[in-house]
Amino acid sequence: MTLSEPKIKTSEKDTKQKILDAAINIFANKGYHDTRVDEIVERSQTSKGAVYFYFPSKEQIFLAIINKFASMLKERLVDAIEAEESGVNKVNAALHTSLEVFGQYRSLAKIFLVQATGLGKIFEEKRIEIHNQFAVVIKNQLDQAVKEGGIPAIDTEIASYVWMGAINDVIIRWVQTGQPDPSRAIPVLRTMLLQSIGVPEARIRSFNDDH
């Protein structure tokens, strides 16, 4: 016998999403500490009872946003990676898709990469957990590329963290200042990061030409 998730009424889903949408906007503009639950209630046009029904605290709202964005990003990454055959192509797909998603969701990127830093142990543990999950995704594709002979043998674990650091720095600068735009950053980052793992120049040019 298996247990299935209880069905949630459409109106309940809509209410929860309205709360999250309002919170995303306010957190991104005011930061975690300066955001009040009453503001989320007002912006979402719900009620304090509804907010606390779904999210017992402001902390839980913030964590729900981080988890939602991380799940969406991971889903997009997995889809992009599975659509490619070779390890090098999968590595490129992971890089391009992550930057593309951050570019499409600037407010979420700000919450995910900037606001969640320095808010205490629970947020730091969540940030590190998600950071490690995505580093593993990159490492797995690098491992496949090495196995196939597409790139030289390297320490793929260290390489994955180098990649994560480079991507984070570029996106954090963008969400804080508006520059460089992700569409401008993608070809430069792709070139530098693929060069760093030994992908041939001709292959890198082909990736840039395709996008």
N, C-alpha and C. Protein backbone atom coordinates (compact mmCIF):
# COMPACT_ATOMS: atom_id res chain seq x y z
N MET A 1 0.85 -1.19 0.00
CA MET A 1 0.00 0.00 0.00
C MET A 1 0.88 1.24 0.00
N THR A 2 0.59 2.18 -0.86
CA THR A 2 1.38 3.41 -0.95
C THR A 2 0.52 4.60 -0.57
N LEU A 3 1.17 5.60 -0.01
CA LEU A 3 0.49 6.82 0.39
C LEU A 3 0.68 7.86 -0.69
N SER A 4 -0.38 8.50 -1.08
CA SER A 4 -0.30 9.58 -2.06
C SER A 4 -0.45 10.91 -1.35
N GLU A 5 0.06 12.00 -1.98
CA GLU A 5 -0.06 13.31 -1.39
C GLU A 5 -1.52 13.75 -1.40
N PRO A 6 -1.96 14.42 -0.34
CA PRO A 6 -3.34 14.90 -0.33
C PRO A 6 -3.56 15.93 -1.42
N LYS A 7 -4.74 15.90 -2.03
CA LYS A 7 -5.05 16.85 -3.08
C LYS A 7 -5.25 18.24 -2.47
N ILE A 8 -4.69 19.24 -3.15
CA ILE A 8 -4.80 20.62 -2.68
C ILE A 8 -5.72 21.37 -3.63
N LYS A 9 -6.70 22.04 -3.09
CA LYS A 9 -7.63 22.79 -3.93
C LYS A 9 -6.89 23.90 -4.68
N THR A 10 -7.39 24.19 -5.89
CA THR A 10 -6.75 25.21 -6.71
C THR A 10 -6.69 26.54 -5.97
N SER A 11 -7.77 26.91 -5.26
CA SER A 11 -7.79 28.18 -4.55
C SER A 11 -6.72 28.23 -3.47
N GLU A 12 -6.44 27.09 -2.84
CA GLU A 12 -5.40 27.03 -1.82
C GLU A 12 -4.02 27.21 -2.44
N LYS A 13 -3.82 26.57 -3.60
CA LYS A 13 -2.56 26.74 -4.31
C LYS A 13 -2.36 28.19 -4.70
N ASP A 14 -3.43 28.83 -5.18
CA ASP A 14 -3.35 30.22 -5.60
C ASP A 14 -3.00 31.12 -4.43
N THR A 15 -3.61 30.88 -3.28
CA THR A 15 -3.32 31.69 -2.10
C THR A 15 -1.87 31.55 -1.68
N LYS A 16 -1.39 30.34 -1.64
CA LYS A 16 0.00 30.10 -1.26
C LYS A 16 0.96 30.77 -2.23
N GLN A 17 0.65 30.68 -3.54
CA GLN A 17 1.51 31.30 -4.54
C GLN A 17 1.47 32.82 -4.45
N LYS A 18 0.31 33.39 -4.15
CA LYS A 18 0.21 34.84 -3.98
C LYS A 18 1.08 35.31 -2.83
N ILE A 19 1.10 34.53 -1.77
CA ILE A 19 1.94 34.88 -0.62
C ILE A 19 3.41 34.84 -1.00
N LEU A 20 3.82 33.79 -1.70
CA LEU A 20 5.22 33.66 -2.10
C LEU A 20 5.62 34.75 -3.09
N ASP A 21 4.75 35.04 -4.05
CA ASP A 21 5.05 36.09 -5.03
C ASP A 21 5.24 37.44 -4.35
N ALA A 22 4.37 37.74 -3.39
CA ALA A 22 4.49 39.00 -2.66
C ALA A 22 5.78 39.03 -1.85
N ALA A 23 6.09 37.93 -1.21
CA ALA A 23 7.30 37.85 -0.37
C ALA A 23 8.56 38.00 -1.22
N ILE A 24 8.58 37.38 -2.39
CA ILE A 24 9.74 37.49 -3.28
C ILE A 24 10.03 38.95 -3.59
N ASN A 25 8.99 39.68 -3.95
CA ASN A 25 9.15 41.08 -4.32
C ASN A 25 9.67 41.91 -3.15
N ILE A 26 9.10 41.70 -1.97
CA ILE A 26 9.48 42.50 -0.81
C ILE A 26 10.87 42.11 -0.30
N PHE A 27 11.14 40.82 -0.19
CA PHE A 27 12.47 40.38 0.25
C PHE A 27 13.56 40.92 -0.68
N ALA A 28 13.33 40.83 -1.99
CA ALA A 28 14.34 41.25 -2.95
C ALA A 28 14.63 42.75 -2.84
N ASN A 29 13.61 43.54 -2.50
CA ASN A 29 13.79 44.99 -2.43
C ASN A 29 14.22 45.50 -1.05
N LYS A 30 13.75 44.84 0.01
CA LYS A 30 14.02 45.36 1.35
C LYS A 30 14.98 44.49 2.16
N GLY A 31 15.20 43.26 1.73
CA GLY A 31 16.03 42.37 2.51
C GLY A 31 15.22 41.63 3.56
N TYR A 32 15.82 40.59 4.11
CA TYR A 32 15.10 39.74 5.06
C TYR A 32 14.73 40.49 6.34
N HIS A 33 15.71 41.16 6.94
CA HIS A 33 15.49 41.76 8.26
C HIS A 33 14.48 42.91 8.21
N ASP A 34 14.47 43.67 7.13
CA ASP A 34 13.58 44.83 7.05
C ASP A 34 12.19 44.50 6.53
N THR A 35 11.97 43.25 6.16
CA THR A 35 10.64 42.83 5.70
C THR A 35 9.79 42.41 6.88
N ARG A 36 8.55 42.91 6.92
CA ARG A 36 7.60 42.52 7.97
C ARG A 36 6.51 41.62 7.37
N VAL A 37 6.05 40.68 8.15
CA VAL A 37 5.00 39.78 7.69
C VAL A 37 3.76 40.57 7.28
N ASP A 38 3.46 41.65 7.99
CA ASP A 38 2.29 42.47 7.65
C ASP A 38 2.40 43.01 6.22
N GLU A 39 3.61 43.32 5.79
CA GLU A 39 3.79 43.81 4.42
C GLU A 39 3.47 42.71 3.41
N ILE A 40 3.86 41.50 3.73
CA ILE A 40 3.58 40.37 2.84
C ILE A 40 2.07 40.13 2.77
N VAL A 41 1.41 40.25 3.91
CA VAL A 41 -0.05 40.09 3.96
C VAL A 41 -0.72 41.14 3.07
N GLU A 42 -0.28 42.39 3.23
CA GLU A 42 -0.89 43.47 2.45
C GLU A 42 -0.63 43.31 0.96
N ARG A 43 0.61 43.02 0.60
CA ARG A 43 0.97 42.90 -0.82
C ARG A 43 0.27 41.71 -1.46
N SER A 44 0.12 40.63 -0.74
CA SER A 44 -0.50 39.42 -1.30
C SER A 44 -2.02 39.49 -1.31
N GLN A 45 -2.58 40.51 -0.63
CA GLN A 45 -4.03 40.68 -0.54
C GLN A 45 -4.68 39.40 0.03
N THR A 46 -4.03 38.86 1.05
CA THR A 46 -4.59 37.70 1.75
C THR A 46 -4.91 38.13 3.18
N SER A 47 -4.60 37.32 4.13
CA SER A 47 -4.82 37.66 5.54
C SER A 47 -3.67 37.12 6.36
N LYS A 48 -3.49 37.67 7.54
CA LYS A 48 -2.42 37.18 8.41
C LYS A 48 -2.65 35.72 8.76
N GLY A 49 -3.93 35.34 8.94
CA GLY A 49 -4.24 33.96 9.24
C GLY A 49 -3.84 33.02 8.12
N ALA A 50 -4.06 33.46 6.86
CA ALA A 50 -3.69 32.64 5.70
C ALA A 50 -2.18 32.48 5.62
N VAL A 51 -1.47 33.59 5.84
CA VAL A 51 0.00 33.54 5.78
C VAL A 51 0.54 32.57 6.82
N TYR A 52 0.06 32.69 8.05
CA TYR A 52 0.58 31.83 9.11
C TYR A 52 0.08 30.39 9.00
N PHE A 53 -1.01 30.19 8.27
CA PHE A 53 -1.49 28.83 8.02
C PHE A 53 -0.48 28.07 7.16
N TYR A 54 0.01 28.74 6.12
CA TYR A 54 0.97 28.09 5.22
C TYR A 54 2.41 28.20 5.71
N PHE A 55 2.72 29.31 6.37
CA PHE A 55 4.09 29.57 6.79
C PHE A 55 4.09 30.09 8.23
N PRO A 56 4.47 29.25 9.19
CA PRO A 56 4.39 29.63 10.61
C PRO A 56 5.27 30.82 11.00
N SER A 57 6.23 31.19 10.14
CA SER A 57 7.12 32.30 10.48
C SER A 57 7.67 32.93 9.20
N LYS A 58 8.25 34.11 9.35
CA LYS A 58 8.91 34.77 8.21
C LYS A 58 10.06 33.91 7.71
N GLU A 59 10.73 33.27 8.63
CA GLU A 59 11.83 32.37 8.27
C GLU A 59 11.36 31.26 7.33
N GLN A 60 10.19 30.71 7.62
CA GLN A 60 9.65 29.63 6.79
C GLN A 60 9.26 30.12 5.40
N ILE A 61 8.78 31.35 5.31
CA ILE A 61 8.48 31.93 3.99
C ILE A 61 9.76 32.04 3.18
N PHE A 62 10.80 32.55 3.81
CA PHE A 62 12.07 32.75 3.13
C PHE A 62 12.67 31.43 2.66
N LEU A 63 12.63 30.43 3.54
CA LEU A 63 13.16 29.11 3.18
C LEU A 63 12.34 28.48 2.06
N ALA A 64 11.03 28.70 2.06
CA ALA A 64 10.18 28.14 1.01
C ALA A 64 10.55 28.74 -0.34
N ILE A 65 10.86 30.03 -0.36
CA ILE A 65 11.26 30.68 -1.61
C ILE A 65 12.58 30.10 -2.11
N ILE A 66 13.54 29.95 -1.21
CA ILE A 66 14.84 29.38 -1.59
C ILE A 66 14.66 27.97 -2.13
N ASN A 67 13.89 27.16 -1.44
CA ASN A 67 13.67 25.77 -1.88
C ASN A 67 12.96 25.72 -3.23
N LYS A 68 11.99 26.60 -3.42
CA LYS A 68 11.23 26.62 -4.68
C LYS A 68 12.14 26.97 -5.85
N PHE A 69 12.97 27.99 -5.65
CA PHE A 69 13.87 28.40 -6.73
C PHE A 69 14.92 27.32 -7.00
N ALA A 70 15.46 26.73 -5.94
CA ALA A 70 16.47 25.68 -6.12
C ALA A 70 15.89 24.49 -6.87
N SER A 71 14.65 24.11 -6.54
CA SER A 71 14.01 22.98 -7.22
C SER A 71 13.77 23.28 -8.69
N MET A 72 13.32 24.51 -8.97
CA MET A 72 13.08 24.90 -10.35
C MET A 72 14.37 24.92 -11.16
N LEU A 73 15.45 25.47 -10.55
CA LEU A 73 16.74 25.51 -11.23
C LEU A 73 17.27 24.11 -11.49
N LYS A 74 17.16 23.24 -10.50
CA LYS A 74 17.65 21.87 -10.67
C LYS A 74 16.87 21.14 -11.76
N GLU A 75 15.56 21.35 -11.80
CA GLU A 75 14.73 20.70 -12.82
C GLU A 75 15.13 21.16 -14.22
N ARG A 76 15.37 22.46 -14.36
CA ARG A 76 15.78 22.99 -15.66
C ARG A 76 17.16 22.45 -16.05
N LEU A 77 18.06 22.33 -15.08
CA LEU A 77 19.39 21.80 -15.35
C LEU A 77 19.32 20.34 -15.80
N VAL A 78 18.55 19.54 -15.07
CA VAL A 78 18.43 18.12 -15.41
C VAL A 78 17.86 17.95 -16.82
N ASP A 79 16.83 18.72 -17.15
CA ASP A 79 16.23 18.64 -18.49
C ASP A 79 17.25 18.99 -19.57
N ALA A 80 18.03 20.05 -19.34
CA ALA A 80 19.01 20.49 -20.33
C ALA A 80 20.13 19.46 -20.49
N ILE A 81 20.57 18.90 -19.37
CA ILE A 81 21.65 17.92 -19.40
C ILE A 81 21.21 16.64 -20.10
N GLU A 82 20.00 16.18 -19.78
CA GLU A 82 19.50 14.94 -20.37
C GLU A 82 19.26 15.06 -21.87
N ALA A 83 19.12 16.28 -22.36
CA ALA A 83 18.89 16.49 -23.79
C ALA A 83 20.17 16.35 -24.61
N GLU A 84 21.32 16.32 -23.92
CA GLU A 84 22.62 16.21 -24.60
C GLU A 84 23.18 14.81 -24.44
N GLU A 85 24.09 14.44 -25.35
CA GLU A 85 24.66 13.09 -25.32
C GLU A 85 26.06 13.05 -24.72
N SER A 86 26.95 13.89 -25.19
CA SER A 86 28.34 13.81 -24.73
C SER A 86 28.53 14.60 -23.44
N GLY A 87 29.59 14.22 -22.70
CA GLY A 87 29.89 14.87 -21.44
C GLY A 87 30.19 16.34 -21.58
N VAL A 88 30.95 16.72 -22.60
CA VAL A 88 31.29 18.13 -22.81
C VAL A 88 30.04 18.93 -23.13
N ASN A 89 29.17 18.36 -23.95
CA ASN A 89 27.91 19.05 -24.26
C ASN A 89 27.04 19.22 -23.02
N LYS A 90 27.06 18.21 -22.16
CA LYS A 90 26.28 18.29 -20.91
C LYS A 90 26.85 19.37 -19.99
N VAL A 91 28.17 19.46 -19.93
CA VAL A 91 28.81 20.51 -19.12
C VAL A 91 28.40 21.88 -19.64
N ASN A 92 28.46 22.06 -20.94
CA ASN A 92 28.08 23.34 -21.53
C ASN A 92 26.60 23.64 -21.28
N ALA A 93 25.75 22.63 -21.39
CA ALA A 93 24.32 22.82 -21.15
C ALA A 93 24.06 23.25 -19.72
N ALA A 94 24.78 22.66 -18.76
CA ALA A 94 24.61 23.02 -17.35
C ALA A 94 25.00 24.47 -17.11
N LEU A 95 26.11 24.89 -17.70
CA LEU A 95 26.57 26.27 -17.54
C LEU A 95 25.58 27.25 -18.15
N HIS A 96 25.20 27.00 -19.40
CA HIS A 96 24.31 27.91 -20.11
C HIS A 96 22.95 28.01 -19.41
N THR A 97 22.41 26.87 -19.00
CA THR A 97 21.09 26.86 -18.40
C THR A 97 21.07 27.57 -17.05
N SER A 98 22.09 27.36 -16.22
CA SER A 98 22.11 28.01 -14.91
C SER A 98 22.15 29.53 -15.06
N LEU A 99 22.97 30.03 -15.97
CA LEU A 99 23.03 31.48 -16.19
C LEU A 99 21.74 32.01 -16.80
N GLU A 100 21.15 31.23 -17.67
CA GLU A 100 19.90 31.62 -18.31
C GLU A 100 18.78 31.75 -17.27
N VAL A 101 18.71 30.77 -16.36
CA VAL A 101 17.67 30.79 -15.33
C VAL A 101 17.87 31.97 -14.38
N PHE A 102 19.09 32.21 -13.94
CA PHE A 102 19.35 33.35 -13.07
C PHE A 102 18.97 34.65 -13.77
N GLY A 103 19.25 34.71 -15.08
CA GLY A 103 18.92 35.91 -15.85
C GLY A 103 17.43 36.14 -15.95
N GLN A 104 16.66 35.08 -15.98
CA GLN A 104 15.20 35.20 -16.10
C GLN A 104 14.53 35.54 -14.77
N TYR A 105 15.19 35.22 -13.67
CA TYR A 105 14.57 35.39 -12.35
C TYR A 105 15.49 36.20 -11.44
N ARG A 106 15.62 37.47 -11.74
CA ARG A 106 16.58 38.30 -11.02
C ARG A 106 16.23 38.43 -9.55
N SER A 107 14.94 38.64 -9.23
CA SER A 107 14.54 38.79 -7.82
C SER A 107 14.85 37.52 -7.03
N LEU A 108 14.56 36.37 -7.63
CA LEU A 108 14.85 35.10 -6.96
C LEU A 108 16.35 34.90 -6.82
N ALA A 109 17.10 35.28 -7.85
CA ALA A 109 18.56 35.15 -7.78
C ALA A 109 19.12 35.99 -6.65
N LYS A 110 18.56 37.18 -6.46
CA LYS A 110 19.03 38.06 -5.39
C LYS A 110 18.78 37.43 -4.03
N ILE A 111 17.59 36.86 -3.84
CA ILE A 111 17.26 36.20 -2.58
C ILE A 111 18.16 34.98 -2.37
N PHE A 112 18.33 34.20 -3.42
CA PHE A 112 19.06 32.93 -3.35
C PHE A 112 20.54 33.14 -3.08
N LEU A 113 21.15 34.13 -3.74
CA LEU A 113 22.60 34.29 -3.68
C LEU A 113 23.07 35.41 -2.75
N VAL A 114 22.22 36.40 -2.51
CA VAL A 114 22.65 37.55 -1.72
C VAL A 114 21.95 37.60 -0.37
N GLN A 115 20.61 37.62 -0.38
CA GLN A 115 19.87 37.79 0.86
C GLN A 115 20.08 36.65 1.84
N ALA A 116 20.30 35.43 1.33
CA ALA A 116 20.43 34.27 2.21
C ALA A 116 21.78 34.19 2.91
N THR A 117 22.69 35.07 2.57
CA THR A 117 24.03 35.05 3.17
C THR A 117 24.05 35.83 4.48
N GLY A 118 24.61 35.22 5.51
CA GLY A 118 24.79 35.91 6.78
C GLY A 118 23.53 36.06 7.62
N LEU A 119 22.51 35.22 7.39
CA LEU A 119 21.26 35.33 8.15
C LEU A 119 21.17 34.35 9.31
N GLY A 120 22.24 33.63 9.55
CA GLY A 120 22.21 32.69 10.66
C GLY A 120 22.42 31.26 10.21
N LYS A 121 22.51 30.38 11.17
CA LYS A 121 22.90 28.99 10.92
C LYS A 121 21.96 28.27 9.97
N ILE A 122 20.65 28.39 10.19
CA ILE A 122 19.71 27.62 9.38
C ILE A 122 19.77 28.02 7.91
N PHE A 123 19.94 29.32 7.64
CA PHE A 123 20.03 29.78 6.26
C PHE A 123 21.37 29.40 5.65
N GLU A 124 22.43 29.49 6.44
CA GLU A 124 23.75 29.15 5.93
C GLU A 124 23.83 27.67 5.60
N GLU A 125 23.24 26.84 6.45
CA GLU A 125 23.24 25.40 6.18
C GLU A 125 22.45 25.09 4.91
N LYS A 126 21.33 25.76 4.72
CA LYS A 126 20.53 25.56 3.51
C LYS A 126 21.29 26.03 2.27
N ARG A 127 21.95 27.18 2.39
CA ARG A 127 22.71 27.71 1.25
C ARG A 127 23.83 26.76 0.86
N ILE A 128 24.55 26.25 1.84
CA ILE A 128 25.65 25.32 1.57
C ILE A 128 25.11 24.01 0.98
N GLU A 129 24.00 23.53 1.53
CA GLU A 129 23.39 22.30 1.03
C GLU A 129 23.04 22.41 -0.45
N ILE A 130 22.40 23.51 -0.82
CA ILE A 130 22.01 23.70 -2.22
C ILE A 130 23.23 23.93 -3.10
N HIS A 131 24.18 24.70 -2.60
CA HIS A 131 25.43 24.94 -3.33
C HIS A 131 26.11 23.62 -3.64
N ASN A 132 26.17 22.74 -2.65
CA ASN A 132 26.81 21.43 -2.84
C ASN A 132 26.05 20.57 -3.84
N GLN A 133 24.73 20.64 -3.82
CA GLN A 133 23.92 19.87 -4.77
C GLN A 133 24.26 20.24 -6.21
N PHE A 134 24.38 21.54 -6.46
CA PHE A 134 24.67 21.96 -7.82
C PHE A 134 26.12 21.71 -8.21
N ALA A 135 27.01 21.76 -7.22
CA ALA A 135 28.40 21.40 -7.51
C ALA A 135 28.50 19.94 -7.92
N VAL A 136 27.71 19.07 -7.29
CA VAL A 136 27.69 17.65 -7.65
C VAL A 136 27.17 17.46 -9.07
N VAL A 137 26.16 18.23 -9.45
CA VAL A 137 25.64 18.15 -10.83
C VAL A 137 26.75 18.46 -11.83
N ILE A 138 27.50 19.53 -11.58
CA ILE A 138 28.60 19.89 -12.48
C ILE A 138 29.68 18.83 -12.45
N LYS A 139 30.04 18.35 -11.25
CA LYS A 139 31.08 17.33 -11.13
C LYS A 139 30.72 16.08 -11.93
N ASN A 140 29.47 15.65 -11.86
CA ASN A 140 29.06 14.44 -12.58
C ASN A 140 29.25 14.60 -14.09
N GLN A 141 28.96 15.78 -14.60
CA GLN A 141 29.13 16.00 -16.04
C GLN A 141 30.61 16.09 -16.41
N LEU A 142 31.40 16.68 -15.53
CA LEU A 142 32.85 16.71 -15.77
C LEU A 142 33.43 15.30 -15.73
N ASP A 143 32.97 14.48 -14.79
CA ASP A 143 33.42 13.09 -14.72
C ASP A 143 33.13 12.35 -16.02
N GLN A 144 31.93 12.56 -16.56
CA GLN A 144 31.58 11.89 -17.82
C GLN A 144 32.45 12.39 -18.95
N ALA A 145 32.72 13.69 -18.99
CA ALA A 145 33.57 14.26 -20.04
C ALA A 145 34.99 13.68 -19.98
N VAL A 146 35.52 13.50 -18.75
CA VAL A 146 36.84 12.89 -18.58
C VAL A 146 36.81 11.44 -19.05
N LYS A 147 35.79 10.72 -18.65
CA LYS A 147 35.66 9.30 -19.01
C LYS A 147 35.59 9.11 -20.52
N GLU A 148 34.93 10.03 -21.20
CA GLU A 148 34.79 9.93 -22.66
C GLU A 148 36.02 10.43 -23.40
N GLY A 149 36.94 11.07 -22.68
CA GLY A 149 38.13 11.62 -23.32
C GLY A 149 37.90 12.99 -23.91
N GLY A 150 36.78 13.61 -23.57
CA GLY A 150 36.49 14.94 -24.09
C GLY A 150 37.32 16.03 -23.46
N ILE A 151 37.78 15.78 -22.22
CA ILE A 151 38.68 16.71 -21.53
C ILE A 151 39.73 15.89 -20.80
N PRO A 152 40.89 16.50 -20.49
CA PRO A 152 41.94 15.77 -19.77
C PRO A 152 41.48 15.41 -18.35
N ALA A 153 42.14 14.44 -17.75
CA ALA A 153 41.85 14.06 -16.37
C ALA A 153 42.16 15.22 -15.44
N ILE A 154 41.20 15.60 -14.61
CA ILE A 154 41.37 16.70 -13.65
C ILE A 154 40.67 16.32 -12.35
N ASP A 155 40.92 17.11 -11.32
CA ASP A 155 40.20 16.94 -10.06
C ASP A 155 38.83 17.58 -10.27
N THR A 156 37.84 16.78 -10.62
CA THR A 156 36.53 17.33 -10.98
C THR A 156 35.79 17.95 -9.80
N GLU A 157 36.08 17.48 -8.60
CA GLU A 157 35.42 18.08 -7.43
C GLU A 157 35.86 19.52 -7.24
N ILE A 158 37.18 19.75 -7.30
CA ILE A 158 37.70 21.11 -7.17
C ILE A 158 37.23 21.96 -8.33
N ALA A 159 37.27 21.41 -9.53
CA ALA A 159 36.84 22.16 -10.71
C ALA A 159 35.38 22.61 -10.58
N SER A 160 34.53 21.73 -10.03
CA SER A 160 33.11 22.08 -9.90
C SER A 160 32.92 23.24 -8.94
N TYR A 161 33.72 23.31 -7.87
CA TYR A 161 33.60 24.43 -6.94
C TYR A 161 34.15 25.72 -7.54
N VAL A 162 35.20 25.59 -8.36
CA VAL A 162 35.71 26.77 -9.07
C VAL A 162 34.63 27.33 -9.99
N TRP A 163 33.96 26.44 -10.70
CA TRP A 163 32.88 26.87 -11.59
C TRP A 163 31.76 27.55 -10.80
N MET A 164 31.35 26.94 -9.70
CA MET A 164 30.29 27.52 -8.89
C MET A 164 30.68 28.91 -8.40
N GLY A 165 31.93 29.07 -7.99
CA GLY A 165 32.40 30.36 -7.51
C GLY A 165 32.36 31.42 -8.59
N ALA A 166 32.81 31.06 -9.78
CA ALA A 166 32.81 32.02 -10.89
C ALA A 166 31.39 32.43 -11.27
N ILE A 167 30.51 31.46 -11.36
CA ILE A 167 29.11 31.74 -11.71
C ILE A 167 28.47 32.62 -10.64
N ASN A 168 28.68 32.27 -9.38
CA ASN A 168 28.10 33.05 -8.28
C ASN A 168 28.56 34.50 -8.31
N ASP A 169 29.87 34.72 -8.50
CA ASP A 169 30.41 36.08 -8.49
C ASP A 169 29.79 36.94 -9.58
N VAL A 170 29.68 36.38 -10.78
CA VAL A 170 29.13 37.14 -11.90
C VAL A 170 27.65 37.46 -11.65
N ILE A 171 26.89 36.47 -11.20
CA ILE A 171 25.46 36.68 -10.97
C ILE A 171 25.22 37.64 -9.81
N ILE A 172 26.01 37.51 -8.73
CA ILE A 172 25.85 38.41 -7.58
C ILE A 172 26.11 39.86 -7.99
N ARG A 173 27.15 40.08 -8.78
CA ARG A 173 27.43 41.45 -9.25
C ARG A 173 26.27 41.97 -10.09
N TRP A 174 25.71 41.08 -10.91
CA TRP A 174 24.59 41.49 -11.77
C TRP A 174 23.35 41.86 -10.95
N VAL A 175 22.99 41.04 -9.96
CA VAL A 175 21.77 41.33 -9.19
C VAL A 175 21.94 42.59 -8.34
N GLN A 176 23.17 42.93 -7.99
CA GLN A 176 23.39 44.10 -7.16
C GLN A 176 23.54 45.38 -7.97
N THR A 177 24.12 45.27 -9.18
CA THR A 177 24.42 46.48 -9.95
C THR A 177 23.73 46.54 -11.31
N GLY A 178 23.20 45.41 -11.78
CA GLY A 178 22.60 45.39 -13.11
C GLY A 178 23.59 45.07 -14.22
N GLN A 179 24.84 44.91 -13.86
CA GLN A 179 25.89 44.60 -14.84
C GLN A 179 26.82 43.52 -14.29
N PRO A 180 27.38 42.66 -15.16
CA PRO A 180 27.08 42.52 -16.59
C PRO A 180 25.79 41.72 -16.80
N ASP A 181 25.03 42.06 -17.81
CA ASP A 181 23.83 41.32 -18.15
C ASP A 181 24.20 39.87 -18.45
N PRO A 182 23.40 38.89 -17.99
CA PRO A 182 23.72 37.48 -18.23
C PRO A 182 23.95 37.14 -19.70
N SER A 183 23.22 37.78 -20.61
CA SER A 183 23.42 37.49 -22.04
C SER A 183 24.82 37.89 -22.49
N ARG A 184 25.38 38.91 -21.85
CA ARG A 184 26.75 39.32 -22.15
C ARG A 184 27.76 38.42 -21.45
N ALA A 185 27.39 37.95 -20.25
CA ALA A 185 28.32 37.16 -19.46
C ALA A 185 28.47 35.73 -19.96
N ILE A 186 27.41 35.16 -20.53
CA ILE A 186 27.42 33.74 -20.89
C ILE A 186 28.58 33.37 -21.81
N PRO A 187 28.80 34.06 -22.96
CA PRO A 187 29.89 33.62 -23.84
C PRO A 187 31.28 33.76 -23.21
N VAL A 188 31.47 34.79 -22.39
CA VAL A 188 32.77 34.99 -21.75
C VAL A 188 33.01 33.91 -20.70
N LEU A 189 32.01 33.68 -19.85
CA LEU A 189 32.15 32.64 -18.84
C LEU A 189 32.33 31.27 -19.49
N ARG A 190 31.54 31.00 -20.52
CA ARG A 190 31.66 29.71 -21.20
C ARG A 190 33.09 29.51 -21.72
N THR A 191 33.62 30.53 -22.38
CA THR A 191 34.97 30.42 -22.94
C THR A 191 36.00 30.16 -21.85
N MET A 192 35.95 30.95 -20.78
CA MET A 192 36.96 30.84 -19.72
C MET A 192 36.84 29.52 -18.96
N LEU A 193 35.61 29.12 -18.64
CA LEU A 193 35.43 27.90 -17.85
C LEU A 193 35.71 26.65 -18.68
N LEU A 194 35.29 26.63 -19.92
CA LEU A 194 35.59 25.47 -20.76
C LEU A 194 37.09 25.38 -21.07
N GLN A 195 37.75 26.54 -21.24
CA GLN A 195 39.20 26.53 -21.41
C GLN A 195 39.88 25.96 -20.18
N SER A 196 39.33 26.26 -19.00
CA SER A 196 39.96 25.84 -17.75
C SER A 196 39.96 24.33 -17.57
N ILE A 197 39.08 23.61 -18.27
CA ILE A 197 39.05 22.15 -18.16
C ILE A 197 39.59 21.48 -19.42
N GLY A 198 40.14 22.27 -20.34
CA GLY A 198 40.82 21.70 -21.49
C GLY A 198 39.96 21.40 -22.69
N VAL A 199 38.79 22.02 -22.81
CA VAL A 199 37.97 21.83 -24.00
C VAL A 199 38.65 22.55 -25.17
N PRO A 200 38.79 21.90 -26.33
CA PRO A 200 39.46 22.52 -27.47
C PRO A 200 38.79 23.82 -27.90
N GLU A 201 39.61 24.75 -28.41
CA GLU A 201 39.11 26.07 -28.81
C GLU A 201 38.02 25.97 -29.87
N ALA A 202 38.19 25.05 -30.81
CA ALA A 202 37.20 24.91 -31.88
C ALA A 202 35.84 24.50 -31.32
N ARG A 203 35.86 23.65 -30.31
CA ARG A 203 34.61 23.20 -29.69
C ARG A 203 33.94 24.36 -28.95
N ILE A 204 34.75 25.16 -28.28
CA ILE A 204 34.20 26.30 -27.55
C ILE A 204 33.58 27.30 -28.53
N ARG A 205 34.27 27.55 -29.64
CA ARG A 205 33.73 28.47 -30.64
C ARG A 205 32.39 27.98 -31.18
N SER A 206 32.28 26.67 -31.35
CA SER A 206 31.02 26.11 -31.87
C SER A 206 29.88 26.33 -30.88
N PHE A 207 30.19 26.22 -29.58
CA PHE A 207 29.15 26.47 -28.57
C PHE A 207 28.71 27.93 -28.61
N ASN A 208 29.68 28.83 -28.71
CA ASN A 208 29.35 30.25 -28.74
C ASN A 208 28.58 30.61 -30.01
N ASP A 209 28.93 30.00 -31.13
CA ASP A 209 28.23 30.27 -32.39
C ASP A 209 26.79 29.77 -32.33
N ASP A 210 26.57 28.66 -31.62
CA ASP A 210 25.21 28.10 -31.52
C ASP A 210 24.30 28.97 -30.68
N HIS A 211 24.89 29.82 -29.81
CA HIS A 211 24.07 30.64 -28.93
C HIS A 211 24.34 32.11 -29.19
